[in-house]
């Protein structure tokens, strides 16, 4: 896998995945980003704050930070061989007046697909490992 490439991965805020069983808990994974608005975003956001309402420039900064923290968390999970991240959460902390930390975290797990009678994955309750 080339550096920086993220593969598809199940990420959920729940503690289970339908039709799957957890075969191994690999530990907590996280992605951390510290962001501040650019000069133009700060200027635009400052003007928008005068008039009230949603501040699009700051919303964009927050969304980009969340996406990058999420991608870093998934990358961390891939590095340790996880199939999924369970119990995923975000946390944000104002670092300084103009910078915020965004943390995405969860529990990395390995999964097996649970077979059902009559399908090709296995017998009822028999795990079939994801390749």
Foldseek 3Di string as FASTA:
>chain_A
DDPPDFDDAAEELADDDPQKDFPDWPFKFKFKDKDFQDPVLVVQQVVVVVVDDDRVSVVVRVVVLQVRGVSRRRVRLVVSPFRYFYNWDWDKDAPDPGMMMIMIMGIGTFMFGADDPPDPQDYGRDTRGDD
